Amino acid sequence: MRALLAGLALLTLLSQAQASEVRNYFTPELDGQRINACLATGACGKPAADAFCKVEGYDQAMLFQRERTNSARSIDSNKVCDSDCTAFRQVKCFTVRSDLQTGKTAL
């Protein structure tokens, strides 16, 4: 039991303190237009959600939901879909911060 506790304590001391920042965007927009769930290159879903998160200052998307809409703009161009579009209903973005000092608590 002591060896297990000592091992856990050592891992805690050696590991770098990290915290995640997460933000949910519901019906995300850019310049007043819904975000298309596809990039202008044709890649849909996660690549488009990741691109949106990067524009917002996050590393990547961890969750996204799509829905049909009448108009949506591609995040990587000015291309606009004007009928029967698929836009994001929700995108959850996150980034990992590793600039915290070991031993300090982030709230």
N, C-alpha and C. Protein backbone atom coordinates (compact mmCIF):
# COMPACT_ATOMS: atom_id res chain seq x y z
N MET A 1 0.82 -1.19 0.00
CA MET A 1 0.00 0.00 0.00
C MET A 1 0.87 1.26 0.00
N ARG A 2 1.94 1.23 0.79
CA ARG A 2 2.84 2.38 0.83
C ARG A 2 3.49 2.61 -0.53
N ALA A 3 3.84 1.52 -1.21
CA ALA A 3 4.48 1.66 -2.52
C ALA A 3 3.51 2.31 -3.51
N LEU A 4 2.24 1.93 -3.43
CA LEU A 4 1.24 2.51 -4.30
C LEU A 4 1.08 4.01 -4.04
N LEU A 5 0.99 4.37 -2.78
CA LEU A 5 0.86 5.79 -2.42
C LEU A 5 2.10 6.58 -2.82
N ALA A 6 3.28 5.99 -2.63
CA ALA A 6 4.52 6.66 -3.01
C ALA A 6 4.57 6.86 -4.53
N GLY A 7 4.13 5.86 -5.28
CA GLY A 7 4.10 5.95 -6.74
C GLY A 7 3.15 7.04 -7.21
N LEU A 8 1.98 7.11 -6.60
CA LEU A 8 1.02 8.15 -6.96
C LEU A 8 1.54 9.54 -6.61
N ALA A 9 2.20 9.66 -5.48
CA ALA A 9 2.77 10.96 -5.09
C ALA A 9 3.86 11.38 -6.07
N LEU A 10 4.69 10.42 -6.49
CA LEU A 10 5.76 10.72 -7.44
C LEU A 10 5.19 11.16 -8.79
N LEU A 11 4.16 10.45 -9.25
CA LEU A 11 3.52 10.83 -10.51
C LEU A 11 2.91 12.23 -10.43
N THR A 12 2.34 12.55 -9.30
CA THR A 12 1.75 13.87 -9.11
C THR A 12 2.82 14.95 -9.17
N LEU A 13 3.96 14.71 -8.55
CA LEU A 13 5.04 15.69 -8.55
C LEU A 13 5.67 15.85 -9.92
N LEU A 14 5.77 14.76 -10.68
CA LEU A 14 6.43 14.80 -11.97
C LEU A 14 5.53 15.33 -13.09
N SER A 15 4.25 15.18 -12.91
CA SER A 15 3.34 15.62 -13.98
C SER A 15 3.24 17.13 -14.01
N GLN A 16 3.07 17.64 -15.21
CA GLN A 16 2.92 19.08 -15.39
C GLN A 16 1.47 19.44 -15.15
N ALA A 17 1.25 20.50 -14.39
CA ALA A 17 -0.12 20.92 -14.11
C ALA A 17 -0.75 21.46 -15.39
N GLN A 18 -1.95 20.99 -15.70
CA GLN A 18 -2.66 21.43 -16.89
C GLN A 18 -4.11 21.69 -16.56
N ALA A 19 -4.70 22.59 -17.27
CA ALA A 19 -6.12 22.87 -17.12
C ALA A 19 -6.71 23.02 -18.52
N SER A 20 -7.97 22.69 -18.64
CA SER A 20 -8.65 22.84 -19.92
C SER A 20 -9.60 24.02 -19.85
N GLU A 21 -9.68 24.73 -20.95
CA GLU A 21 -10.69 25.77 -21.08
C GLU A 21 -11.69 25.27 -22.11
N VAL A 22 -12.96 25.32 -21.76
CA VAL A 22 -14.02 24.79 -22.62
C VAL A 22 -15.09 25.86 -22.79
N ARG A 23 -15.63 25.94 -23.99
CA ARG A 23 -16.74 26.86 -24.24
C ARG A 23 -17.71 26.23 -25.23
N ASN A 24 -18.99 26.34 -24.91
CA ASN A 24 -20.07 25.89 -25.79
C ASN A 24 -20.57 27.05 -26.63
N TYR A 25 -20.74 26.82 -27.91
CA TYR A 25 -21.34 27.79 -28.81
C TYR A 25 -22.63 27.17 -29.34
N PHE A 26 -23.75 27.81 -29.08
CA PHE A 26 -25.03 27.34 -29.60
C PHE A 26 -25.40 28.19 -30.80
N THR A 27 -25.79 27.54 -31.89
CA THR A 27 -26.02 28.19 -33.19
C THR A 27 -24.92 29.20 -33.49
N PRO A 28 -23.68 28.70 -33.58
CA PRO A 28 -22.55 29.61 -33.78
C PRO A 28 -22.66 30.39 -35.09
N GLU A 29 -22.22 31.64 -35.02
CA GLU A 29 -22.25 32.53 -36.17
C GLU A 29 -20.91 33.22 -36.32
N LEU A 30 -20.67 33.67 -37.52
CA LEU A 30 -19.52 34.50 -37.82
C LEU A 30 -20.01 35.63 -38.70
N ASP A 31 -19.83 36.85 -38.25
CA ASP A 31 -20.34 38.03 -38.95
C ASP A 31 -21.83 37.93 -39.22
N GLY A 32 -22.58 37.40 -38.25
CA GLY A 32 -24.04 37.33 -38.35
C GLY A 32 -24.59 36.20 -39.19
N GLN A 33 -23.72 35.32 -39.67
CA GLN A 33 -24.19 34.18 -40.48
C GLN A 33 -23.86 32.87 -39.78
N ARG A 34 -24.79 31.92 -39.88
CA ARG A 34 -24.56 30.58 -39.32
C ARG A 34 -23.34 29.95 -39.97
N ILE A 35 -22.68 29.06 -39.25
CA ILE A 35 -21.47 28.40 -39.73
C ILE A 35 -21.84 27.10 -40.43
N ASN A 36 -21.41 26.95 -41.67
CA ASN A 36 -21.62 25.73 -42.44
C ASN A 36 -20.85 24.59 -41.79
N ALA A 37 -21.44 23.41 -41.78
CA ALA A 37 -20.79 22.24 -41.20
C ALA A 37 -19.76 21.63 -42.14
N CYS A 38 -19.57 22.24 -43.30
CA CYS A 38 -18.56 21.79 -44.26
C CYS A 38 -17.62 22.94 -44.61
N LEU A 39 -16.37 22.62 -44.83
CA LEU A 39 -15.41 23.59 -45.31
C LEU A 39 -15.58 23.78 -46.81
N ALA A 40 -15.03 24.83 -47.35
CA ALA A 40 -15.10 25.07 -48.80
C ALA A 40 -14.40 23.95 -49.57
N THR A 41 -13.45 23.28 -48.92
CA THR A 41 -12.72 22.18 -49.55
C THR A 41 -13.56 20.91 -49.64
N GLY A 42 -14.71 20.88 -48.93
CA GLY A 42 -15.57 19.70 -48.96
C GLY A 42 -15.49 18.85 -47.71
N ALA A 43 -14.52 19.10 -46.85
CA ALA A 43 -14.41 18.35 -45.59
C ALA A 43 -15.51 18.81 -44.64
N CYS A 44 -16.26 17.86 -44.11
CA CYS A 44 -17.40 18.19 -43.25
C CYS A 44 -17.23 17.64 -41.83
N GLY A 45 -18.01 18.20 -40.91
CA GLY A 45 -18.02 17.72 -39.53
C GLY A 45 -16.86 18.24 -38.71
N LYS A 46 -16.04 17.32 -38.20
CA LYS A 46 -14.95 17.66 -37.29
C LYS A 46 -13.97 18.67 -37.88
N PRO A 47 -13.53 18.55 -39.13
CA PRO A 47 -12.62 19.57 -39.66
C PRO A 47 -13.21 20.98 -39.64
N ALA A 48 -14.49 21.12 -39.96
CA ALA A 48 -15.14 22.43 -39.95
C ALA A 48 -15.32 22.93 -38.51
N ALA A 49 -15.67 22.03 -37.60
CA ALA A 49 -15.82 22.42 -36.19
C ALA A 49 -14.47 22.84 -35.62
N ASP A 50 -13.41 22.10 -35.95
CA ASP A 50 -12.06 22.47 -35.50
C ASP A 50 -11.67 23.84 -36.04
N ALA A 51 -11.97 24.11 -37.30
CA ALA A 51 -11.64 25.41 -37.91
C ALA A 51 -12.38 26.54 -37.18
N PHE A 52 -13.65 26.32 -36.84
CA PHE A 52 -14.40 27.33 -36.10
C PHE A 52 -13.75 27.58 -34.74
N CYS A 53 -13.40 26.51 -34.04
CA CYS A 53 -12.78 26.66 -32.71
C CYS A 53 -11.46 27.42 -32.80
N LYS A 54 -10.68 27.14 -33.83
CA LYS A 54 -9.40 27.85 -33.99
C LYS A 54 -9.62 29.34 -34.23
N VAL A 55 -10.64 29.70 -35.00
CA VAL A 55 -10.97 31.10 -35.22
C VAL A 55 -11.33 31.77 -33.88
N GLU A 56 -11.97 31.00 -33.00
CA GLU A 56 -12.38 31.53 -31.70
C GLU A 56 -11.26 31.47 -30.65
N GLY A 57 -10.08 30.95 -31.03
CA GLY A 57 -8.95 30.92 -30.11
C GLY A 57 -8.78 29.65 -29.31
N TYR A 58 -9.44 28.57 -29.70
CA TYR A 58 -9.33 27.29 -29.03
C TYR A 58 -8.55 26.31 -29.89
N ASP A 59 -8.11 25.21 -29.28
CA ASP A 59 -7.32 24.22 -30.02
C ASP A 59 -8.15 23.40 -30.99
N GLN A 60 -9.29 22.91 -30.53
CA GLN A 60 -10.11 22.06 -31.38
C GLN A 60 -11.50 21.86 -30.79
N ALA A 61 -12.36 21.20 -31.58
CA ALA A 61 -13.72 20.90 -31.12
C ALA A 61 -13.73 19.54 -30.45
N MET A 62 -14.49 19.45 -29.38
CA MET A 62 -14.63 18.16 -28.72
C MET A 62 -16.03 17.57 -28.94
N LEU A 63 -16.95 18.41 -29.42
CA LEU A 63 -18.31 17.95 -29.69
C LEU A 63 -18.96 18.93 -30.66
N PHE A 64 -19.79 18.40 -31.54
CA PHE A 64 -20.55 19.28 -32.43
C PHE A 64 -21.85 18.59 -32.82
N GLN A 65 -22.85 19.40 -33.11
CA GLN A 65 -24.14 18.91 -33.60
C GLN A 65 -24.51 19.74 -34.81
N ARG A 66 -25.20 19.11 -35.76
CA ARG A 66 -25.58 19.78 -37.00
C ARG A 66 -27.09 19.82 -37.15
N GLU A 67 -27.55 20.75 -37.98
CA GLU A 67 -28.97 20.84 -38.31
C GLU A 67 -29.13 21.52 -39.66
N ARG A 68 -30.28 21.29 -40.28
CA ARG A 68 -30.59 21.92 -41.57
C ARG A 68 -30.97 23.38 -41.34
N THR A 69 -30.58 24.21 -42.29
CA THR A 69 -30.91 25.64 -42.22
C THR A 69 -30.99 26.19 -43.64
N ASN A 70 -31.49 27.39 -43.79
CA ASN A 70 -31.64 28.00 -45.11
C ASN A 70 -30.39 28.68 -45.62
N SER A 71 -29.48 29.06 -44.72
CA SER A 71 -28.28 29.77 -45.13
C SER A 71 -27.15 29.49 -44.15
N ALA A 72 -25.93 29.33 -44.68
CA ALA A 72 -24.76 29.10 -43.83
C ALA A 72 -23.50 29.50 -44.59
N ARG A 73 -22.53 29.97 -43.85
CA ARG A 73 -21.26 30.43 -44.44
C ARG A 73 -20.14 29.48 -44.07
N SER A 74 -19.28 29.17 -45.04
CA SER A 74 -18.11 28.34 -44.77
C SER A 74 -17.13 29.13 -43.92
N ILE A 75 -16.57 28.50 -42.93
CA ILE A 75 -15.65 29.17 -42.00
C ILE A 75 -14.33 29.52 -42.67
N ASP A 76 -13.96 28.78 -43.72
CA ASP A 76 -12.65 28.99 -44.35
C ASP A 76 -12.71 29.80 -45.65
N SER A 77 -13.88 30.37 -45.96
CA SER A 77 -14.01 31.21 -47.15
C SER A 77 -15.24 32.09 -47.01
N ASN A 78 -15.50 32.88 -47.99
CA ASN A 78 -16.71 33.69 -47.99
C ASN A 78 -17.86 32.99 -48.71
N LYS A 79 -17.69 31.72 -49.01
CA LYS A 79 -18.71 30.94 -49.71
C LYS A 79 -19.94 30.78 -48.82
N VAL A 80 -21.11 31.11 -49.39
CA VAL A 80 -22.36 31.03 -48.64
C VAL A 80 -23.30 30.06 -49.33
N CYS A 81 -23.88 29.18 -48.55
CA CYS A 81 -24.92 28.27 -49.03
C CYS A 81 -26.25 28.99 -48.81
N ASP A 82 -27.09 29.05 -49.84
CA ASP A 82 -28.34 29.81 -49.74
C ASP A 82 -29.61 28.96 -49.67
N SER A 83 -29.49 27.65 -49.73
CA SER A 83 -30.68 26.82 -49.59
C SER A 83 -30.28 25.40 -49.22
N ASP A 84 -31.10 24.77 -48.38
CA ASP A 84 -30.87 23.40 -47.93
C ASP A 84 -29.42 23.19 -47.45
N CYS A 85 -29.03 23.95 -46.45
CA CYS A 85 -27.67 23.91 -45.91
C CYS A 85 -27.63 23.10 -44.61
N THR A 86 -26.45 22.66 -44.27
CA THR A 86 -26.23 22.02 -42.99
C THR A 86 -25.30 22.92 -42.19
N ALA A 87 -25.82 23.42 -41.07
CA ALA A 87 -25.05 24.31 -40.21
C ALA A 87 -24.86 23.66 -38.84
N PHE A 88 -23.94 24.22 -38.07
CA PHE A 88 -23.75 23.72 -36.71
C PHE A 88 -24.85 24.25 -35.80
N ARG A 89 -25.44 23.34 -35.04
CA ARG A 89 -26.39 23.72 -33.99
C ARG A 89 -25.62 24.02 -32.72
N GLN A 90 -24.52 23.26 -32.50
CA GLN A 90 -23.69 23.45 -31.32
C GLN A 90 -22.27 23.03 -31.65
N VAL A 91 -21.32 23.77 -31.10
CA VAL A 91 -19.91 23.38 -31.16
C VAL A 91 -19.32 23.62 -29.78
N LYS A 92 -18.68 22.61 -29.23
CA LYS A 92 -18.01 22.73 -27.94
C LYS A 92 -16.51 22.72 -28.22
N CYS A 93 -15.86 23.84 -27.91
CA CYS A 93 -14.44 24.00 -28.17
C CYS A 93 -13.64 23.86 -26.87
N PHE A 94 -12.38 23.41 -27.02
CA PHE A 94 -11.52 23.37 -25.85
C PHE A 94 -10.08 23.63 -26.24
N THR A 95 -9.34 24.03 -25.24
CA THR A 95 -7.90 24.20 -25.38
C THR A 95 -7.27 23.76 -24.07
N VAL A 96 -6.07 23.26 -24.13
CA VAL A 96 -5.35 22.82 -22.94
C VAL A 96 -4.30 23.86 -22.61
N ARG A 97 -4.33 24.33 -21.39
CA ARG A 97 -3.33 25.27 -20.91
C ARG A 97 -2.32 24.51 -20.06
N SER A 98 -1.05 24.70 -20.34
CA SER A 98 -0.02 24.05 -19.54
C SER A 98 0.88 25.08 -18.87
N ASP A 99 0.39 26.31 -18.78
CA ASP A 99 1.21 27.38 -18.21
C ASP A 99 0.97 27.57 -16.71
N LEU A 100 0.27 26.64 -16.10
CA LEU A 100 0.01 26.73 -14.67
C LEU A 100 1.22 26.25 -13.88
N GLN A 101 1.47 26.83 -12.76
CA GLN A 101 2.58 26.41 -11.90
C GLN A 101 2.18 25.19 -11.10
N THR A 102 3.10 24.22 -10.99
CA THR A 102 2.83 23.02 -10.21
C THR A 102 2.56 23.40 -8.77
N GLY A 103 1.52 22.80 -8.21
CA GLY A 103 1.19 23.05 -6.83
C GLY A 103 0.16 24.15 -6.63
N LYS A 104 -0.14 24.91 -7.67
CA LYS A 104 -1.17 25.94 -7.57
C LYS A 104 -2.48 25.39 -8.09
N THR A 105 -3.53 25.83 -7.51
CA THR A 105 -4.86 25.35 -7.88
C THR A 105 -5.53 26.36 -8.82
N ALA A 106 -6.04 25.86 -9.92
CA ALA A 106 -6.78 26.71 -10.85
C ALA A 106 -8.26 26.50 -10.62
N LEU A 107 -8.99 27.56 -10.50
CA LEU A 107 -10.44 27.47 -10.31
C LEU A 107 -11.17 27.86 -11.55
